[in-house]
Every structure is written in structure tokens, then in C-alpha cells.
C-alpha atoms as a PDB file:
ATOM      1  CA  UNK A   1      39.093  61.239  88.072  1.00  0.00           C
ATOM      2  CA  UNK A   2      39.129  64.074  90.543  1.00  0.00           C
ATOM      3  CA  UNK A   3      39.688  66.627  87.774  1.00  0.00           C
ATOM      4  CA  UNK A   4      37.866  64.910  84.894  1.00  0.00           C
ATOM      5  CA  UNK A   5      34.202  65.056  84.030  1.00  0.00           C
ATOM      6  CA  UNK A   6      34.115  62.819  80.920  1.00  0.00           C
ATOM      7  CA  UNK A   7      35.861  59.439  81.422  1.00  0.00           C
ATOM      8  CA  UNK A   8      35.432  57.006  78.549  1.00  0.00           C
ATOM      9  CA  UNK A   9      34.921  53.265  78.837  1.00  0.00           C
ATOM     10  CA  UNK A  10      37.297  51.706  76.286  1.00  0.00           C
ATOM     11  CA  UNK A  11      35.339  48.499  75.793  1.00  0.00           C
ATOM     12  CA  UNK A  12      31.929  49.724  74.547  1.00  0.00           C
ATOM     13  CA  UNK A  13      33.307  53.230  73.686  1.00  0.00           C
ATOM     14  CA  UNK A  14      30.848  55.026  75.957  1.00  0.00           C
ATOM     15  CA  UNK A  15      31.668  58.293  77.694  1.00  0.00           C
ATOM     16  CA  UNK A  16      30.272  58.961  81.181  1.00  0.00           C
ATOM     17  CA  UNK A  17      29.348  62.328  82.669  1.00  0.00           C
ATOM     18  CA  UNK A  18      30.615  62.166  86.242  1.00  0.00           C
ATOM     19  CA  UNK A  19      28.631  65.285  87.192  1.00  0.00           C
ATOM     20  CA  UNK A  20      25.283  64.005  85.856  1.00  0.00           C
ATOM     21  CA  UNK A  21      25.459  60.232  86.294  1.00  0.00           C
ATOM     22  CA  UNK A  22      22.190  58.904  87.700  1.00  0.00           C
ATOM     23  CA  UNK A  23      23.855  55.797  89.174  1.00  0.00           C
ATOM     24  CA  UNK A  24      27.186  56.338  91.010  1.00  0.00           C
ATOM     25  CA  UNK A  25      27.790  52.563  90.954  1.00  0.00           C
ATOM     26  CA  UNK A  26      28.422  52.853  87.203  1.00  0.00           C
ATOM     27  CA  UNK A  27      31.347  55.215  87.798  1.00  0.00           C
ATOM     28  CA  UNK A  28      32.695  53.021  90.611  1.00  0.00           C
ATOM     29  CA  UNK A  29      32.548  49.945  88.376  1.00  0.00           C
ATOM     30  CA  UNK A  30      34.370  51.809  85.605  1.00  0.00           C
ATOM     31  CA  UNK A  31      37.165  52.830  87.981  1.00  0.00           C
ATOM     32  CA  UNK A  32      37.542  49.277  89.288  1.00  0.00           C
ATOM     33  CA  UNK A  33      37.754  47.841  85.770  1.00  0.00           C
ATOM     34  CA  UNK A  34      40.620  50.203  84.871  1.00  0.00           C
ATOM     35  CA  UNK A  35      39.238  50.165  81.310  1.00  0.00           C
ATOM     36  CA  UNK A  36      38.796  53.919  81.101  1.00  0.00           C
ATOM     37  CA  UNK A  37      40.590  56.856  79.577  1.00  0.00           C
ATOM     38  CA  UNK A  38      40.359  60.599  79.988  1.00  0.00           C
ATOM     39  CA  UNK A  39      40.226  63.127  77.188  1.00  0.00           C
ATOM     40  CA  UNK A  40      42.161  66.301  76.653  1.00  0.00           C
ATOM     41  CA  UNK A  41      40.426  68.640  76.558  1.00  0.00           C
ATOM     42  CA  UNK A  42      37.964  67.126  79.030  1.00  0.00           C
ATOM     43  CA  UNK A  43      34.873  67.779  76.908  1.00  0.00           C
ATOM     44  CA  UNK A  44      32.054  65.748  75.402  1.00  0.00           C
ATOM     45  CA  UNK A  45      32.949  67.068  71.947  1.00  0.00           C
ATOM     46  CA  UNK A  46      36.464  65.602  72.246  1.00  0.00           C
ATOM     47  CA  UNK A  47      35.081  62.224  73.326  1.00  0.00           C
ATOM     48  CA  UNK A  48      32.756  62.236  70.321  1.00  0.00           C
ATOM     49  CA  UNK A  49      35.679  63.124  68.039  1.00  0.00           C
ATOM     50  CA  UNK A  50      37.334  59.907  69.214  1.00  0.00           C
ATOM     51  CA  UNK A  51      34.288  57.777  68.462  1.00  0.00           C
ATOM     52  CA  UNK A  52      32.707  57.642  71.926  1.00  0.00           C
ATOM     53  CA  UNK A  53      28.990  58.092  72.508  1.00  0.00           C
ATOM     54  CA  UNK A  54      27.355  59.484  75.628  1.00  0.00           C
ATOM     55  CA  UNK A  55      25.944  57.075  78.210  1.00  0.00           C
ATOM     56  CA  UNK A  56      22.150  57.085  78.205  1.00  0.00           C
ATOM     57  CA  UNK A  57      21.965  57.162  82.009  1.00  0.00           C
ATOM     58  CA  UNK A  58      24.240  60.234  82.264  1.00  0.00           C
ATOM     59  CA  UNK A  59      21.718  62.835  81.184  1.00  0.00           C
ATOM     60  CA  UNK A  60      22.641  66.433  81.890  1.00  0.00           C
ATOM     61  CA  UNK A  61      20.108  69.182  82.391  1.00  0.00           C
ATOM     62  CA  UNK A  62      21.631  71.086  79.451  1.00  0.00           C
ATOM     63  CA  UNK A  63      20.517  68.340  77.042  1.00  0.00           C
ATOM     64  CA  UNK A  64      23.965  67.896  75.423  1.00  0.00           C
END
């Protein structure tokens, strides 16, 4: 995930914002589960196009 900001959790179809996650343990757990995917382009809009919703604990200052 070094170059990706918006990994998606395949199980509940939630997208995480690596840059704005309030709890780093959430990202670590996602990586360990290997139940994630990355989007191309790496944007919230693309994740939403694929049916993912933004995680409520990954709140960015821009209010996206």
C-alpha cells in the first residue's frame, strides 16, 4: 500500500483513507487479512463507482 491511499475491504465493501485514518490498527488489520483491493485510479470516486463506501473513522479534513 505504499503508493495507494484508498484500499478497499472486500468483505463489507468499505474503502479506507490511509492518509486520514484515525486508528492505524484498522489499516494493519486490513493488510493482515489480505481481503483488500486497490483501485485504479486511486481515488475515492473510483471506489464509490465500484460500490464501496467510505469508512466512518477515516474522516478527511476536506469533508469528502
